[in-house]
Protein backbone atom coordinates (compact mmCIF):
# COMPACT_ATOMS: atom_id res chain seq x y z
CA UNK A 1 -0.04 0.07 0.03
CA UNK A 2 1.24 3.29 -0.77
CA UNK A 3 1.87 6.04 2.00
CA UNK A 4 -0.79 8.24 0.42
CA UNK A 5 -3.27 5.35 0.42
CA UNK A 6 -2.19 4.10 4.11
CA UNK A 7 -2.82 7.77 5.29
CA UNK A 8 -6.17 7.96 3.40
CA UNK A 9 -7.36 4.52 5.19
CA UNK A 10 -6.17 5.63 8.44
CA UNK A 11 -8.25 8.95 7.96
CA UNK A 12 -11.37 7.11 6.72
CA UNK A 13 -11.23 4.71 9.72
CA UNK A 14 -11.04 7.52 12.26
CA UNK A 15 -13.32 9.88 10.82
CA UNK A 16 -16.21 7.97 9.26
CA UNK A 17 -18.00 11.00 8.18
CA UNK A 18 -16.02 11.23 5.08
CA UNK A 19 -17.93 7.70 3.85
CA UNK A 20 -21.30 9.26 4.45
CA UNK A 21 -20.72 12.82 3.34
CA UNK A 22 -18.97 11.89 -0.29
CA UNK A 23 -22.38 10.22 -0.86
CA UNK A 24 -25.04 12.33 0.81
CA UNK A 25 -28.08 13.25 -1.52
CA UNK A 26 -30.95 15.25 -1.41
CA UNK A 27 -33.29 12.28 -0.19
CA UNK A 28 -31.34 11.77 2.56
CA UNK A 29 -31.60 15.53 3.62
CA UNK A 30 -35.26 15.32 3.87
CA UNK A 31 -35.45 12.18 6.12
CA UNK A 32 -32.47 13.31 8.33
CA UNK A 33 -34.33 16.76 8.92
CA UNK A 34 -37.75 15.33 9.74
CA UNK A 35 -35.94 12.62 11.99
CA UNK A 36 -34.15 15.42 13.75
CA UNK A 37 -37.17 17.71 13.98
CA UNK A 38 -38.64 15.07 16.02
CA UNK A 39 -35.51 14.07 18.09
CA UNK A 40 -35.46 17.89 19.23
CA UNK A 41 -38.78 17.69 20.57
CA UNK A 42 -37.89 14.90 22.33
CA UNK A 43 -34.63 15.69 23.50
CA UNK A 44 -35.51 19.08 25.23
CA UNK A 45 -37.57 17.91 27.81
CA UNK A 46 -35.40 14.66 28.03
CA UNK A 47 -32.20 16.67 28.54
CA UNK A 48 -33.55 18.96 31.19
CA UNK A 49 -34.98 15.85 33.08
CA UNK A 50 -31.39 13.49 33.16
CA UNK A 51 -29.69 16.81 33.95
CA UNK A 52 -31.95 17.00 37.29
CA UNK A 53 -31.81 13.34 37.93
CA UNK A 54 -28.27 13.60 37.90
CA UNK A 55 -28.33 16.47 40.40
CA UNK A 56 -27.33 19.11 37.88
CA UNK A 57 -28.73 22.44 36.44
CA UNK A 58 -31.21 21.96 33.97
CA UNK A 59 -29.27 24.04 31.45
CA UNK A 60 -26.43 21.28 31.31
CA UNK A 61 -28.39 18.73 29.76
CA UNK A 62 -29.23 20.89 27.04
CA UNK A 63 -25.38 21.74 26.93
CA UNK A 64 -24.81 18.22 26.37
CA UNK A 65 -27.21 17.64 23.73
CA UNK A 66 -25.43 19.88 21.34
CA UNK A 67 -21.63 19.57 20.58
CA UNK A 68 -21.75 15.91 21.39
CA UNK A 69 -24.53 15.29 18.69
CA UNK A 70 -22.20 16.86 16.36
CA UNK A 71 -18.89 15.22 17.05
CA UNK A 72 -20.34 11.61 17.24
CA UNK A 73 -21.82 12.33 13.92
CA UNK A 74 -18.30 12.92 12.67
CA UNK A 75 -16.69 10.17 14.68
CA UNK A 76 -19.13 7.33 15.29
CA UNK A 77 -20.04 4.50 13.30
CA UNK A 78 -23.79 4.32 13.53
CA UNK A 79 -26.17 6.12 11.45
CA UNK A 80 -29.11 6.01 13.87
CA UNK A 81 -27.76 6.23 17.29
CA UNK A 82 -28.71 9.33 18.70
CA UNK A 83 -26.16 10.52 21.91
CA UNK A 84 -27.10 12.74 24.63
CA UNK A 85 -27.93 12.31 28.35
CA UNK A 86 -29.64 9.05 29.17
CA UNK A 87 -31.09 7.81 32.62
CA UNK A 88 -28.82 5.40 33.70
CA UNK A 89 -25.41 7.30 32.95
CA UNK A 90 -27.19 10.29 35.20
CA UNK A 91 -27.75 8.18 37.98
CA UNK A 92 -24.17 6.87 37.85
CA UNK A 93 -22.98 10.13 37.58
CA UNK A 94 -24.94 11.31 40.93
CA UNK A 95 -23.77 8.37 42.60
CA UNK A 96 -20.30 9.24 41.81
CA UNK A 97 -20.35 12.91 42.82
CA UNK A 98 -22.60 12.87 45.24
CA UNK A 99 -20.48 11.65 48.36
CA UNK A 100 -18.06 14.28 47.28
CA UNK A 101 -20.17 17.70 46.99
CA UNK A 102 -23.67 18.89 47.47
CA UNK A 103 -25.63 18.92 44.46
CA UNK A 104 -25.58 22.13 42.14
CA UNK A 105 -22.83 23.47 43.90
CA UNK A 106 -20.25 24.81 42.00
CA UNK A 107 -17.70 21.77 42.92
CA UNK A 108 -20.78 19.43 42.22
CA UNK A 109 -20.91 20.69 38.55
CA UNK A 110 -17.32 20.70 37.89
CA UNK A 111 -16.79 16.97 39.03
CA UNK A 112 -19.81 16.23 36.58
CA UNK A 113 -17.94 18.00 33.70
CA UNK A 114 -14.90 16.33 34.81
CA UNK A 115 -16.43 12.84 34.79
CA UNK A 116 -17.79 13.82 31.16
CA UNK A 117 -13.81 14.49 30.47
CA UNK A 118 -12.34 11.77 31.96
CA UNK A 119 -14.76 9.16 30.59
CA UNK A 120 -14.34 10.57 27.21
CA UNK A 121 -10.45 10.24 27.27
CA UNK A 122 -10.93 6.84 28.58
CA UNK A 123 -12.92 6.03 25.77
CA UNK A 124 -10.62 7.10 23.10
CA UNK A 125 -7.71 5.55 24.51
CA UNK A 126 -9.71 2.07 24.51
CA UNK A 127 -10.86 2.93 20.78
CA UNK A 128 -7.23 3.56 19.93
CA UNK A 129 -5.66 0.57 21.45
CA UNK A 130 -8.82 -1.46 19.77
CA UNK A 131 -10.56 -2.50 23.17
CA UNK A 132 -14.03 -2.89 21.62
CA UNK A 133 -13.95 -6.55 22.82
CA UNK A 134 -14.96 -5.32 26.33
CA UNK A 135 -18.56 -5.39 25.17
CA UNK A 136 -18.16 -8.70 25.81
CA UNK A 137 -17.20 -8.90 29.31
CA UNK A 138 -20.75 -8.39 30.44
CA UNK A 139 -23.37 -10.88 29.74
CA UNK A 140 -26.76 -9.63 28.36
CA UNK A 141 -28.84 -11.25 31.44
CA UNK A 142 -26.26 -9.68 34.04
CA UNK A 143 -26.75 -6.16 32.25
CA UNK A 144 -30.40 -6.77 32.17
CA UNK A 145 -30.18 -7.37 35.85
CA UNK A 146 -28.03 -4.26 36.70
CA UNK A 147 -30.34 -2.06 34.44
CA UNK A 148 -33.63 -3.22 35.90
CA UNK A 149 -32.35 -2.56 39.34
CA UNK A 150 -31.03 0.92 38.13
CA UNK A 151 -34.46 1.58 36.90
CA UNK A 152 -36.00 0.79 40.29
CA UNK A 153 -33.45 3.40 42.10
CA UNK A 154 -34.31 6.49 39.39
CA UNK A 155 -37.99 5.60 40.04
CA UNK A 156 -37.77 5.69 43.88
CA UNK A 157 -35.23 8.82 43.68
CA UNK A 158 -38.17 10.64 41.64
CA UNK A 159 -40.45 10.55 44.26
CA UNK A 160 -39.25 13.51 45.72
CA UNK A 161 -40.21 15.36 42.93
CA UNK A 162 -43.39 13.78 42.47
CA UNK A 163 -44.44 14.37 46.15
CA UNK A 164 -42.43 17.23 46.99
CA UNK A 165 -40.48 15.85 49.57
CA UNK A 166 -36.65 15.28 50.47
CA UNK A 167 -35.32 12.20 48.96
CA UNK A 168 -31.80 11.22 48.69
CA UNK A 169 -29.25 8.36 48.36
CA UNK A 170 -27.93 6.15 45.71
CA UNK A 171 -29.28 2.73 46.87
CA UNK A 172 -32.50 1.29 48.25
CA UNK A 173 -31.53 1.48 51.94
CA UNK A 174 -30.75 5.32 51.78
CA UNK A 175 -33.49 6.19 49.72
CA UNK A 176 -35.85 3.95 51.53
CA UNK A 177 -34.81 5.76 55.09
CA UNK A 178 -34.72 9.28 53.67
CA UNK A 179 -38.37 8.81 52.31
CA UNK A 180 -39.93 6.97 55.32
CA UNK A 181 -38.64 10.36 57.28
CA UNK A 182 -40.14 12.62 54.94
CA UNK A 183 -43.28 10.70 54.08
CA UNK A 184 -45.58 13.11 56.22
CA UNK A 185 -44.66 16.17 54.52
CA UNK A 186 -45.88 15.28 51.13
CA UNK A 187 -47.05 18.43 49.20
CA UNK A 188 -50.62 17.87 48.45
CA UNK A 189 -50.45 20.25 45.04
CA UNK A 190 -47.25 18.68 43.73
CA UNK A 191 -48.63 15.13 44.23
CA UNK A 192 -51.77 16.21 42.48
CA UNK A 193 -49.77 17.77 39.69
CA UNK A 194 -47.76 14.86 39.20
CA UNK A 195 -51.03 12.57 39.08
CA UNK A 196 -52.63 14.43 36.63
CA UNK A 197 -49.14 14.06 34.46
CA UNK A 198 -49.34 10.58 34.79
CA UNK A 199 -52.75 10.07 33.72
CA UNK A 200 -52.44 12.48 30.85
CA UNK A 201 -49.41 10.59 29.51
CA UNK A 202 -51.12 7.36 29.86
CA UNK A 203 -54.20 8.53 28.10
CA UNK A 204 -52.36 10.23 25.53
CA UNK A 205 -50.28 6.97 24.92
CA UNK A 206 -53.08 4.47 25.04
CA UNK A 207 -55.86 5.90 23.96
CA UNK A 208 -55.43 9.49 21.98
CA UNK A 209 -52.81 8.53 19.68
CA UNK A 210 -53.83 5.06 19.05
CA UNK A 211 -57.42 6.24 17.69
CA UNK A 212 -55.30 8.36 15.03
CA UNK A 213 -55.42 5.79 12.46
CA UNK A 214 -59.01 5.76 12.76
CA UNK A 215 -59.13 8.93 11.79
CA UNK A 216 -57.03 8.56 8.62
CA UNK A 217 -53.64 9.49 9.78
CA UNK A 218 -51.20 6.61 8.91
CA UNK A 219 -50.22 4.19 11.27
CA UNK A 220 -46.28 5.12 11.23
CA UNK A 221 -46.65 8.59 11.53
CA UNK A 222 -49.24 8.31 14.49
CA UNK A 223 -46.64 6.20 16.23
CA UNK A 224 -44.08 8.91 15.63
CA UNK A 225 -46.60 11.50 17.22
CA UNK A 226 -47.14 9.36 20.23
CA UNK A 227 -43.12 9.63 21.01
CA UNK A 228 -44.08 13.68 21.38
CA UNK A 229 -46.38 12.63 24.26
CA UNK A 230 -44.06 13.66 27.13
CA UNK A 231 -43.91 17.17 25.37
CA UNK A 232 -47.30 17.68 25.34
CA UNK A 233 -47.66 16.82 29.00
CA UNK A 234 -44.87 19.23 30.14
CA UNK A 235 -46.70 22.11 27.97
CA UNK A 236 -49.78 21.54 29.63
CA UNK A 237 -48.15 20.96 33.32
CA UNK A 238 -45.86 24.37 32.30
CA UNK A 239 -49.08 26.41 31.29
CA UNK A 240 -51.26 25.15 34.24
CA UNK A 241 -48.48 26.47 36.50
CA UNK A 242 -48.11 29.59 34.78
CA UNK A 243 -51.74 30.50 34.80
CA UNK A 244 -52.33 29.12 38.29
CA UNK A 245 -49.23 30.53 39.77
CA UNK A 246 -48.66 26.72 41.14
CA UNK A 247 -45.42 27.97 41.85
CA UNK A 248 -46.41 30.27 44.46
CA UNK A 249 -47.85 27.32 46.60
CA UNK A 250 -45.12 25.52 46.63
CA UNK A 251 -44.78 23.41 43.51
CA UNK A 252 -40.81 23.42 42.30
CA UNK A 253 -40.34 24.80 39.00
CA UNK A 254 -37.05 24.51 37.00
CA UNK A 255 -36.82 28.35 36.95
CA UNK A 256 -34.60 30.38 35.11
CA UNK A 257 -32.39 28.56 32.57
CA UNK A 258 -29.46 30.81 31.23
CA UNK A 259 -30.17 32.06 27.66
CA UNK A 260 -27.13 31.23 24.93
CA UNK A 261 -25.13 28.87 23.74
CA UNK A 262 -22.72 27.37 26.08
CA UNK A 263 -19.33 28.90 26.25
CA UNK A 264 -16.34 26.53 25.47
CA UNK A 265 -13.94 26.14 28.44
CA UNK A 266 -11.10 23.89 29.61
CA UNK A 267 -12.68 21.58 32.73
CA UNK A 268 -10.77 22.51 35.80
CA UNK A 269 -8.60 19.34 36.72
CA UNK A 270 -6.94 18.93 40.31
CA UNK A 271 -5.18 15.89 41.34
CA UNK A 272 -7.54 15.47 44.15
CA UNK A 273 -10.97 15.33 42.00
CA UNK A 274 -8.84 12.88 39.26
CA UNK A 275 -8.07 10.55 42.09
CA UNK A 276 -11.81 10.60 43.42
CA UNK A 277 -13.68 9.99 40.18
CA UNK A 278 -11.33 7.86 37.99
CA UNK A 279 -12.86 4.87 38.79
CA UNK A 280 -16.12 6.08 38.38
CA UNK A 281 -15.62 7.06 34.83
CA UNK A 282 -14.07 4.31 33.80
CA UNK A 283 -17.35 2.37 35.04
CA UNK A 284 -19.60 5.40 33.22
CA UNK A 285 -17.48 4.64 30.19
CA UNK A 286 -17.85 0.94 30.05
CA UNK A 287 -21.46 0.82 30.71
CA UNK A 288 -22.64 4.03 28.47
CA UNK A 289 -20.61 2.17 25.65
CA UNK A 290 -22.11 -1.42 26.29
CA UNK A 291 -25.49 0.44 26.01
CA UNK A 292 -24.54 2.32 22.95
CA UNK A 293 -23.16 -0.71 21.03
CA UNK A 294 -25.98 -2.88 21.78
CA UNK A 295 -28.59 -0.20 20.74
CA UNK A 296 -26.46 0.60 17.60
CA UNK A 297 -25.95 -2.85 16.33
CA UNK A 298 -29.86 -3.70 16.89
CA UNK A 299 -30.86 -0.88 14.30
CA UNK A 300 -27.76 -1.24 12.22
CA UNK A 301 -29.19 -4.82 11.47
CA UNK A 302 -32.51 -3.50 10.51
CA UNK A 303 -30.85 -1.46 7.61
CA UNK A 304 -28.33 -4.33 6.82
CA UNK A 305 -25.72 -1.91 8.08
CA UNK A 306 -22.79 -2.93 10.77
CA UNK A 307 -21.09 -0.40 13.37
CA UNK A 308 -17.72 -0.96 14.52
CA UNK A 309 -17.36 -1.39 18.23
CA UNK A 310 -13.62 0.09 18.21
CA UNK A 311 -14.76 3.31 16.28
CA UNK A 312 -17.98 3.45 18.82
CA UNK A 313 -15.30 3.83 21.43
CA UNK A 314 -13.62 6.89 19.56
CA UNK A 315 -17.24 8.21 18.46
CA UNK A 316 -18.68 8.13 22.03
CA UNK A 317 -15.14 9.33 23.64
CA UNK A 318 -15.36 12.57 21.49
CA UNK A 319 -18.76 13.32 22.33
CA UNK A 320 -18.09 13.06 26.13
CA UNK A 321 -14.96 15.35 25.43
CA UNK A 322 -17.24 17.70 23.80
CA UNK A 323 -19.89 17.92 26.48
CA UNK A 324 -17.09 18.58 28.70
CA UNK A 325 -15.68 21.20 26.99
CA UNK A 326 -19.44 22.73 26.74
CA UNK A 327 -20.13 22.14 30.38
CA UNK A 328 -22.39 19.44 29.95
CA UNK A 329 -22.23 15.89 31.89
CA UNK A 330 -21.58 12.45 30.74
CA UNK A 331 -23.39 11.13 27.47
CA UNK A 332 -24.06 8.10 25.77
CA UNK A 333 -26.46 6.45 23.16
CA UNK A 334 -30.14 6.91 24.26
CA UNK A 335 -32.57 3.95 23.27
CA UNK A 336 -35.78 5.77 23.17
CA UNK A 337 -34.80 8.72 20.97
CA UNK A 338 -32.25 6.53 18.82
CA UNK A 339 -35.24 4.42 18.14
CA UNK A 340 -37.46 7.34 17.27
CA UNK A 341 -34.30 8.79 15.13
CA UNK A 342 -34.74 5.48 13.06
CA UNK A 343 -38.35 5.30 12.90
CA UNK A 344 -38.60 8.91 11.81
CA UNK A 345 -36.09 7.97 8.37
CA UNK A 346 -32.71 9.13 9.55
CA UNK A 347 -30.41 8.13 6.84
CA UNK A 348 -26.90 9.37 8.07
CA UNK A 349 -25.41 10.79 11.39
CA UNK A 350 -26.51 14.33 9.74
CA UNK A 351 -29.66 13.83 11.81
CA UNK A 352 -28.15 13.90 14.83
CA UNK A 353 -26.21 17.22 13.67
CA UNK A 354 -29.33 18.80 12.52
CA UNK A 355 -30.90 17.92 15.86
CA UNK A 356 -27.95 19.43 17.76
CA UNK A 357 -28.76 22.67 15.49
CA UNK A 358 -32.08 22.53 16.94
CA UNK A 359 -31.20 22.21 20.70
CA UNK A 360 -28.99 25.03 19.76
CA UNK A 361 -31.95 27.19 18.73
CA UNK A 362 -33.95 26.19 21.67
CA UNK A 363 -31.02 27.53 24.16
CA UNK A 364 -30.96 30.84 22.49
CA UNK A 365 -35.12 31.51 22.28
CA UNK A 366 -37.00 29.02 23.94
CA UNK A 367 -35.71 28.97 27.39
CA UNK A 368 -37.74 32.05 28.84
CA UNK A 369 -40.69 29.28 27.96
CA UNK A 370 -39.60 26.86 30.32
CA UNK A 371 -39.28 28.91 33.57
CA UNK A 372 -42.51 27.49 34.89
CA UNK A 373 -42.00 24.02 33.82
CA UNK A 374 -42.71 21.99 37.27
CA UNK A 375 -40.03 19.45 38.19
CA UNK A 376 -42.87 16.90 38.85
CA UNK A 377 -43.68 16.56 35.24
CA UNK A 378 -40.17 16.23 34.29
CA UNK A 379 -40.04 13.04 36.96
CA UNK A 380 -42.98 11.95 35.42
CA UNK A 381 -41.51 11.67 32.01
CA UNK A 382 -38.44 9.94 33.65
CA UNK A 383 -40.29 7.39 35.61
CA UNK A 384 -42.49 6.44 32.36
CA UNK A 385 -39.25 6.25 30.05
CA UNK A 386 -37.46 3.88 32.91
CA UNK A 387 -40.42 1.79 33.45
CA UNK A 388 -39.25 -0.12 30.30
CA UNK A 389 -36.03 -0.94 31.43
CA UNK A 390 -37.18 -3.04 34.59
CA UNK A 391 -37.20 -6.56 32.74
CA UNK A 392 -39.13 -8.82 35.08
CA UNK A 393 -39.89 -11.33 31.72
CA UNK A 394 -35.97 -11.83 31.76
CA UNK A 395 -35.71 -12.84 35.04
CA UNK A 396 -38.64 -15.31 34.95
CA UNK A 397 -36.99 -16.82 31.71
CA UNK A 398 -33.46 -17.06 33.22
CA UNK A 399 -35.52 -19.29 36.05
CA UNK A 400 -36.60 -21.79 33.62
CA UNK A 401 -33.69 -21.58 31.24
CA UNK A 402 -30.63 -21.70 33.51
CA UNK A 403 -30.56 -21.56 37.29
CA UNK A 404 -26.82 -20.22 36.96
CA UNK A 405 -27.96 -17.10 34.78
CA UNK A 406 -30.81 -16.62 37.05
CA UNK A 407 -28.51 -16.16 40.00
CA UNK A 408 -26.45 -13.87 37.99
CA UNK A 409 -29.20 -11.45 37.48
CA UNK A 410 -30.63 -11.67 40.73
CA UNK A 411 -27.09 -11.33 42.57
CA UNK A 412 -26.37 -8.07 40.08
CA UNK A 413 -30.04 -6.46 41.09
CA UNK A 414 -29.66 -7.02 44.75
CA UNK A 415 -26.13 -5.85 45.17
CA UNK A 416 -27.05 -2.58 42.84
CA UNK A 417 -30.29 -2.12 44.72
CA UNK A 418 -28.85 -2.33 48.22
CA UNK A 419 -25.40 -1.32 47.55
CA UNK A 420 -25.39 1.14 44.54
CA UNK A 421 -24.87 1.31 41.25
CA UNK A 422 -20.87 1.25 41.09
CA UNK A 423 -20.92 -1.77 43.02
CA UNK A 424 -23.78 -3.16 40.76
CA UNK A 425 -21.41 -2.79 37.80
CA UNK A 426 -18.43 -4.14 39.41
CA UNK A 427 -20.39 -7.30 40.56
CA UNK A 428 -21.70 -7.36 37.07
CA UNK A 429 -18.64 -7.93 35.29
CA UNK A 430 -17.17 -10.28 38.32
CA UNK A 431 -20.58 -12.44 38.01
CA UNK A 432 -20.08 -12.39 34.20
CA UNK A 433 -16.54 -13.56 34.41
CA UNK A 434 -17.38 -16.12 37.10
CA UNK A 435 -20.80 -17.75 35.08
CA UNK A 436 -18.05 -18.00 32.26
CA UNK A 437 -15.62 -19.90 34.48
CA UNK A 438 -18.36 -21.92 36.02
CA UNK A 439 -19.69 -23.13 32.93
CA UNK A 440 -16.41 -23.96 31.07
CA UNK A 441 -14.86 -25.35 34.04
CA UNK A 442 -16.84 -28.45 33.87
CA UNK A 443 -17.50 -28.80 30.20
CA UNK A 444 -19.85 -31.24 28.84
CA UNK A 445 -17.84 -34.42 28.10
CA UNK A 446 -19.60 -37.37 26.52
CA UNK A 447 -18.27 -40.61 25.12
CA UNK A 448 -19.24 -41.46 21.69
CA UNK A 449 -20.06 -44.20 19.44
CA UNK A 450 -20.71 -44.45 15.57
CA UNK A 451 -24.12 -44.57 14.28
CA UNK A 452 -24.74 -47.34 12.17
CA UNK A 453 -24.34 -47.14 8.35
CA UNK A 454 -23.18 -43.42 9.14
CA UNK A 455 -19.61 -41.74 9.87
CA UNK A 456 -21.63 -39.52 12.31
CA UNK A 457 -20.70 -40.31 16.11
CA UNK A 458 -23.22 -39.38 18.98
CA UNK A 459 -23.44 -39.59 22.57
CA UNK A 460 -23.94 -43.22 23.80
CA UNK A 461 -26.54 -42.39 26.41
CA UNK A 462 -28.52 -40.11 23.80
CA UNK A 463 -28.36 -43.03 20.99
CA UNK A 464 -28.19 -46.50 19.67
CA UNK A 465 -24.44 -46.24 18.45
CA UNK A 466 -21.58 -48.88 17.81
CA UNK A 467 -18.84 -49.04 20.45
CA UNK A 468 -15.68 -51.12 20.98
CA UNK A 469 -14.53 -52.45 24.37
CA UNK A 470 -11.03 -52.01 23.53
CA UNK A 471 -11.60 -48.32 22.18
CA UNK A 472 -12.87 -45.07 24.43
CA UNK A 473 -13.76 -42.36 22.08
CA UNK A 474 -14.90 -39.11 23.93
CA UNK A 475 -15.96 -35.73 22.91
CA UNK A 476 -14.89 -32.37 25.15
CA UNK A 477 -17.68 -29.58 24.16
CA UNK A 478 -15.29 -26.97 25.25
CA UNK A 479 -12.00 -25.44 24.34
CA UNK A 480 -9.00 -26.51 26.99
CA UNK A 481 -7.55 -24.05 29.12
CA UNK A 482 -6.30 -23.93 32.82
CA UNK A 483 -9.65 -24.27 34.55
CA UNK A 484 -11.17 -27.20 32.97
CA UNK A 485 -8.01 -29.41 32.17
CA UNK A 486 -7.97 -31.41 35.35
CA UNK A 487 -11.82 -32.22 34.96
CA UNK A 488 -10.64 -33.80 31.53
CA UNK A 489 -7.98 -35.58 33.10
CA UNK A 490 -10.27 -37.02 36.04
CA UNK A 491 -12.67 -38.04 33.22
CA UNK A 492 -10.12 -40.04 31.21
CA UNK A 493 -8.61 -41.76 34.38
CA UNK A 494 -12.20 -42.87 35.62
CA UNK A 495 -13.09 -44.23 32.26
CA UNK A 496 -9.87 -46.26 31.99
CA UNK A 497 -10.24 -47.35 35.32
CA UNK A 498 -13.74 -48.87 34.76
CA UNK A 499 -12.70 -50.74 31.50
CA UNK A 500 -10.08 -53.08 31.87
CA UNK A 501 -10.06 -54.13 28.15
CA UNK A 502 -9.28 -50.56 27.03
CA UNK A 503 -6.45 -50.14 24.45
CA UNK A 504 -6.89 -46.95 22.90
CA UNK A 505 -8.55 -43.26 24.24
CA UNK A 506 -9.38 -41.05 21.46
CA UNK A 507 -10.15 -37.20 22.07
CA UNK A 508 -12.34 -36.16 19.44
CA UNK A 509 -11.66 -32.36 19.25
CA UNK A 510 -14.80 -31.02 17.04
CA UNK A 511 -15.60 -28.45 19.79
CA UNK A 512 -11.88 -27.56 20.84
CA UNK A 513 -10.99 -24.29 19.39
CA UNK A 514 -7.94 -23.54 21.54
CA UNK A 515 -5.78 -25.14 23.77
CA UNK A 516 -3.67 -23.44 26.31
CA UNK A 517 -0.31 -23.82 27.82
CA UNK A 518 -1.63 -25.32 31.12
CA UNK A 519 -4.14 -27.60 29.05
CA UNK A 520 -1.00 -28.60 27.06
CA UNK A 521 0.77 -29.74 30.16
CA UNK A 522 -2.47 -31.38 31.22
CA UNK A 523 -2.64 -33.25 28.06
CA UNK A 524 1.36 -34.31 28.23
CA UNK A 525 0.77 -35.70 31.69
CA UNK A 526 -2.32 -37.81 30.01
CA UNK A 527 -0.40 -39.19 27.45
CA UNK A 528 2.63 -40.10 30.04
CA UNK A 529 0.27 -42.30 32.25
CA UNK A 530 -1.81 -43.85 29.36
CA UNK A 531 1.56 -44.94 27.87
CA UNK A 532 2.66 -46.48 31.32
CA UNK A 533 -0.56 -47.97 31.24
CA UNK A 534 0.10 -49.63 27.68
CA UNK A 535 -2.88 -47.47 26.29
CA UNK A 536 -2.71 -45.31 23.39
CA UNK A 537 -3.99 -41.82 23.23
CA UNK A 538 -5.08 -40.54 19.78
CA UNK A 539 -6.69 -37.24 18.57
CA UNK A 540 -9.13 -36.75 15.84
CA UNK A 541 -10.83 -33.95 14.11
CA UNK A 542 -8.38 -31.34 15.49
CA UNK A 543 -9.15 -27.83 13.85
CA UNK A 544 -6.30 -26.56 11.98
CA UNK A 545 -5.28 -23.44 14.21
CA UNK A 546 -5.18 -25.56 16.99
CA UNK A 547 -2.95 -28.25 15.08
CA UNK A 548 -0.72 -25.17 13.98
CA UNK A 549 -0.01 -24.62 17.68
CA UNK A 550 0.43 -28.12 18.48
CA UNK A 551 2.97 -28.35 15.78
CA UNK A 552 5.19 -25.62 17.31
CA UNK A 553 5.84 -28.01 20.23
CA UNK A 554 7.14 -31.43 21.03
CA UNK A 555 3.78 -32.66 22.00
CA UNK A 556 3.00 -34.18 18.57
CA UNK A 557 6.26 -36.32 18.60
CA UNK A 558 5.59 -37.31 22.27
CA UNK A 559 2.31 -38.84 21.37
CA UNK A 560 1.99 -42.35 21.92
CA UNK A 561 -0.78 -42.71 19.24
CA UNK A 562 -1.99 -40.91 16.01
CA UNK A 563 -3.61 -37.71 14.99
CA UNK A 564 -6.91 -38.58 12.82
CA UNK A 565 -8.18 -36.25 10.11
CA UNK A 566 -11.88 -37.69 11.30
CA UNK A 567 -13.20 -39.88 14.28
CA UNK A 568 -14.47 -42.30 11.43
CA UNK A 569 -10.94 -43.02 10.31
CA UNK A 570 -9.34 -43.39 13.57
CA UNK A 571 -12.25 -45.94 14.42
CA UNK A 572 -11.64 -47.80 11.20
CA UNK A 573 -7.85 -47.92 12.20
CA UNK A 574 -8.13 -49.19 15.13
CA UNK A 575 -11.22 -51.31 16.05
């Protein structure tokens, strides 16, 4: 490859926008513009709500929805993903900095911005070193348990806005304690406002918008309009608060939101702050990345496209850095608005850039309209949004399908609920790895025989097969590594001890994709002990990469048996 071509290839890899920009057409513009308009309408109240969920000034949510969208549009690999503040990351942000400073204080705000900055740096570094594989370190069921628990914590935390009382904490114990202490101080007007908003939102979604197709409105358009239900509820609640001056009765409102675009500033960094939140920043980066990749893959598959996990790390990292430099909080891909972006016809990442322009216009001219926006209405939108995160069906399914998976989900859920989201993430990683080790440390090992009239070999306990008393054929349904080789060794010795006529042991390797050094040493020991018993140790159906590795050692020369291309050939030769 020529130097210029190599440089161009690197640029195209690091800046995917070059690919879609050179093929951009008028029809793309129309779809992107419509999608951006709908996403903007959704994103304004969501941004405000998630900033408040993180304990930050409302305008920081808007700031985190401008430049991050633009930067992700240029550096991200998904054509449909819409980034910005999301519920889980906002909760993790609050959990990380709440013990370090009081909410909405200058130090609290500084720490939130620094959290976005460090998360962005970490994501970019991981992307440069191609660590996109970290998305596989957490199993989906375990992630589901963490997200479900986080959803419950978020809902309980929003009771302070729904009831007009003081509730604080980042786990079920502290939240429950403060809730119990304040429950007698419910603000009736705030409570009625919350109930009205919940009822209105439910009616709009389950009655009004479902009837639109009956009135001649296309189903797809009606479904898109239904996504604007929270905006309608917030608008009505704001109007009611203004007309009846409910703020004077004690209903908490958003208040004055600074008008204008955010100023670009360098995050204030101190060694103490860096040390305090680095671990939290890493957890936020990983969870945000996993959530984004999951959403991006789902939407890309519908368009027969693909996303690149390593590039997603860079795209999300750039978005978080942009959020930090513009006074925002950590961001990642949001499920609801990404789905709306997709359904509304977004063709390219330009839809996100147009949505950023819409948010910028809102911060310039529309913020005075948000002054009387009641926090109870925002809390209602958060509660309704996170209800979908609580996946009870998956827990039930795990119980029926796998007790180990069920234990992983419930353990992660309980730890997250009672110890907090950071412990929940760490336990999720530990449980995912532990489940893998548990499953692979005791692999399924079958004694196999030949199905009559064929060259197929199956488990003797499941099929009527042909076997020979002087031959033991076993199949290991797992790669061999340090955690499971002792189990294989014990199994072989047990089978040999039960059969005094055995002369040959054949290890059928159809499911073995790798043999690590510990496993190789164990195979050498097995070979030596079988040789001492005048029993030949054979291999069959060894995969090419595994064979290449074995041939780099002296094992194949020391083997007291043969390596056969197929199990059938081995049996024909030895029977």
